Amino acid sequence: MRLEFAHNLSAEEARRVAHKVAADYAERFARYSPQVDWKEPDHAEISITAKGVTLEGSFTSQPGTLVFEAKVPFLLRPFSGMAKDVIEKQVELWVGRAQRGEL
């Protein structure tokens, strides 16, 4: 699954949004032992474990775009729509806050 979110933020604002989205994600889903590892200032490797299955993905801040990519196991694909909705709402929330100068 690949999700791309266009934005008109500066590189620094987009980086802050990426970090806020990842931190919020980790807090909201703490019961699933999320791991967020920032390999670079603009790129994080993310994993979450649910029902004994570990999902892995990445979150990257790029000029004009925030990108989320994940490998979704076949058995969990029916839930990918729900996950997409959660991710979209969080990115939209934090991009909106950044655009209003609230970060």
C-alpha atoms as a PDB file:
ATOM      1  CA  MET A   1       0.000   0.000   0.000  1.00  0.00           C
ATOM      2  CA  ARG A   2       1.348   3.411  -0.960  1.00  0.00           C
ATOM      3  CA  LEU A   3      -0.304   6.655   0.104  1.00  0.00           C
ATOM      4  CA  GLU A   4       0.867  10.065  -1.078  1.00  0.00           C
ATOM      5  CA  PHE A   5      -0.288  13.338   0.439  1.00  0.00           C
ATOM      6  CA  ALA A   6       0.375  16.555  -1.460  1.00  0.00           C
ATOM      7  CA  HIS A   7       1.203  19.651   0.576  1.00  0.00           C
ATOM      8  CA  ASN A   8       2.497  23.179   0.098  1.00  0.00           C
ATOM      9  CA  LEU A   9       4.660  23.273   3.226  1.00  0.00           C
ATOM     10  CA  SER A  10       8.316  24.181   3.470  1.00  0.00           C
ATOM     11  CA  ALA A  11      10.766  21.302   3.876  1.00  0.00           C
ATOM     12  CA  GLU A  12      11.103  22.068   7.610  1.00  0.00           C
ATOM     13  CA  GLU A  13       7.328  22.259   8.146  1.00  0.00           C
ATOM     14  CA  ALA A  14       6.813  18.998   6.241  1.00  0.00           C
ATOM     15  CA  ARG A  15       9.497  17.352   8.391  1.00  0.00           C
ATOM     16  CA  ARG A  16       7.739  18.543  11.575  1.00  0.00           C
ATOM     17  CA  VAL A  17       4.417  17.227  10.252  1.00  0.00           C
ATOM     18  CA  ALA A  18       5.985  13.826   9.508  1.00  0.00           C
ATOM     19  CA  HIS A  19       7.383  13.642  13.043  1.00  0.00           C
ATOM     20  CA  LYS A  20       4.039  14.717  14.577  1.00  0.00           C
ATOM     21  CA  VAL A  21       2.086  12.145  12.545  1.00  0.00           C
ATOM     22  CA  ALA A  22       4.496   9.364  13.554  1.00  0.00           C
ATOM     23  CA  ALA A  23       4.447  10.364  17.238  1.00  0.00           C
ATOM     24  CA  ASP A  24       0.648  10.624  17.263  1.00  0.00           C
ATOM     25  CA  TYR A  25       0.372   7.237  15.551  1.00  0.00           C
ATOM     26  CA  ALA A  26       2.693   5.642  18.127  1.00  0.00           C
ATOM     27  CA  GLU A  27       0.688   7.152  21.007  1.00  0.00           C
ATOM     28  CA  ARG A  28      -2.760   6.254  19.641  1.00  0.00           C
ATOM     29  CA  PHE A  29      -1.809   2.654  18.910  1.00  0.00           C
ATOM     30  CA  ALA A  30       0.500   2.030  21.879  1.00  0.00           C
ATOM     31  CA  ARG A  31      -1.291  -1.250  22.680  1.00  0.00           C
ATOM     32  CA  TYR A  32       0.120  -2.659  19.405  1.00  0.00           C
ATOM     33  CA  SER A  33       3.760  -1.908  20.300  1.00  0.00           C
ATOM     34  CA  PRO A  34       4.472   0.514  17.461  1.00  0.00           C
ATOM     35  CA  GLN A  35       8.100   1.172  16.638  1.00  0.00           C
ATOM     36  CA  VAL A  36       9.159   4.348  14.840  1.00  0.00           C
ATOM     37  CA  ASP A  37      12.819   4.536  13.853  1.00  0.00           C
ATOM     38  CA  TRP A  38      13.928   7.756  12.173  1.00  0.00           C
ATOM     39  CA  LYS A  39      16.716   6.570   9.847  1.00  0.00           C
ATOM     40  CA  GLU A  40      17.090  10.095   8.461  1.00  0.00           C
ATOM     41  CA  PRO A  41      15.405  13.386   9.415  1.00  0.00           C
ATOM     42  CA  ASP A  42      12.920  12.872   6.561  1.00  0.00           C
ATOM     43  CA  HIS A  43      12.477   9.089   6.639  1.00  0.00           C
ATOM     44  CA  ALA A  44      11.134   6.738   9.322  1.00  0.00           C
ATOM     45  CA  GLU A  45      10.772   2.970   9.348  1.00  0.00           C
ATOM     46  CA  ILE A  46       7.566   1.977  11.162  1.00  0.00           C
ATOM     47  CA  SER A  47       6.309  -1.350  12.491  1.00  0.00           C
ATOM     48  CA  ILE A  48       3.281  -2.416  14.494  1.00  0.00           C
ATOM     49  CA  THR A  49       2.303  -5.814  15.865  1.00  0.00           C
ATOM     50  CA  ALA A  50      -1.325  -6.904  16.054  1.00  0.00           C
ATOM     51  CA  LYS A  51      -2.623 -10.413  16.747  1.00  0.00           C
ATOM     52  CA  GLY A  52       0.876 -11.822  16.376  1.00  0.00           C
ATOM     53  CA  VAL A  53       1.426 -10.270  12.947  1.00  0.00           C
ATOM     54  CA  THR A  54       3.963  -7.498  12.426  1.00  0.00           C
ATOM     55  CA  LEU A  55       3.266  -4.885   9.785  1.00  0.00           C
ATOM     56  CA  GLU A  56       6.146  -2.850   8.437  1.00  0.00           C
ATOM     57  CA  GLY A  57       6.193   0.378   6.521  1.00  0.00           C
ATOM     58  CA  SER A  58       7.850   3.738   6.087  1.00  0.00           C
ATOM     59  CA  PHE A  59       6.933   7.397   6.273  1.00  0.00           C
ATOM     60  CA  THR A  60       8.877   9.937   4.219  1.00  0.00           C
ATOM     61  CA  SER A  61       8.721  13.706   3.971  1.00  0.00           C
ATOM     62  CA  GLN A  62       9.502  14.925   0.452  1.00  0.00           C
ATOM     63  CA  PRO A  63       9.177  18.369  -1.143  1.00  0.00           C
ATOM     64  CA  GLY A  64       5.478  18.733  -1.899  1.00  0.00           C
ATOM     65  CA  THR A  65       4.559  15.219  -0.751  1.00  0.00           C
ATOM     66  CA  LEU A  66       4.369  13.064   2.368  1.00  0.00           C
ATOM     67  CA  VAL A  67       4.579   9.360   1.488  1.00  0.00           C
ATOM     68  CA  PHE A  68       3.455   6.370   3.543  1.00  0.00           C
ATOM     69  CA  GLU A  69       4.281   2.888   2.284  1.00  0.00           C
ATOM     70  CA  ALA A  70       3.469  -0.432   3.926  1.00  0.00           C
ATOM     71  CA  LYS A  71       3.687  -4.108   3.157  1.00  0.00           C
ATOM     72  CA  VAL A  72       0.262  -5.520   3.969  1.00  0.00           C
ATOM     73  CA  PRO A  73       0.077  -9.308   4.402  1.00  0.00           C
ATOM     74  CA  PHE A  74      -2.627 -11.005   2.346  1.00  0.00           C
ATOM     75  CA  LEU A  75      -4.735 -11.910   5.392  1.00  0.00           C
ATOM     76  CA  LEU A  76      -4.864  -8.287   6.561  1.00  0.00           C
ATOM     77  CA  ARG A  77      -5.679  -6.665   3.217  1.00  0.00           C
ATOM     78  CA  PRO A  78      -9.410  -6.452   4.038  1.00  0.00           C
ATOM     79  CA  PHE A  79      -8.426  -4.002   6.825  1.00  0.00           C
ATOM     80  CA  SER A  80      -6.203  -1.812   4.645  1.00  0.00           C
ATOM     81  CA  GLY A  81      -9.104   0.556   3.883  1.00  0.00           C
ATOM     82  CA  MET A  82      -9.547   1.257   7.593  1.00  0.00           C
ATOM     83  CA  ALA A  83      -5.819   1.843   8.013  1.00  0.00           C
ATOM     84  CA  LYS A  84      -5.785   4.168   5.007  1.00  0.00           C
ATOM     85  CA  ASP A  85      -8.610   6.247   6.518  1.00  0.00           C
ATOM     86  CA  VAL A  86      -6.786   6.589   9.858  1.00  0.00           C
ATOM     87  CA  ILE A  87      -3.531   7.623   8.187  1.00  0.00           C
ATOM     88  CA  GLU A  88      -5.265  10.116   5.874  1.00  0.00           C
ATOM     89  CA  LYS A  89      -7.079  11.790   8.763  1.00  0.00           C
ATOM     90  CA  GLN A  90      -3.895  12.158  10.806  1.00  0.00           C
ATOM     91  CA  VAL A  91      -1.873  13.574   7.914  1.00  0.00           C
ATOM     92  CA  GLU A  92      -4.659  16.009   7.004  1.00  0.00           C
ATOM     93  CA  LEU A  93      -4.969  17.098  10.648  1.00  0.00           C
ATOM     94  CA  TRP A  94      -1.254  17.846  11.049  1.00  0.00           C
ATOM     95  CA  VAL A  95      -0.806  19.412   7.594  1.00  0.00           C
ATOM     96  CA  GLY A  96      -3.763  21.689   8.380  1.00  0.00           C
ATOM     97  CA  ARG A  97      -2.213  22.669  11.697  1.00  0.00           C
ATOM     98  CA  ALA A  98       1.102  23.420  10.000  1.00  0.00           C
ATOM     99  CA  GLN A  99      -0.631  25.535   7.350  1.00  0.00           C
ATOM    100  CA  ARG A 100      -2.346  27.544  10.096  1.00  0.00           C
ATOM    101  CA  GLY A 101       0.969  28.021  11.910  1.00  0.00           C
ATOM    102  CA  GLU A 102      -0.062  25.868  14.882  1.00  0.00           C
ATOM    103  CA  LEU A 103       3.023  23.621  15.038  1.00  0.00           C
END
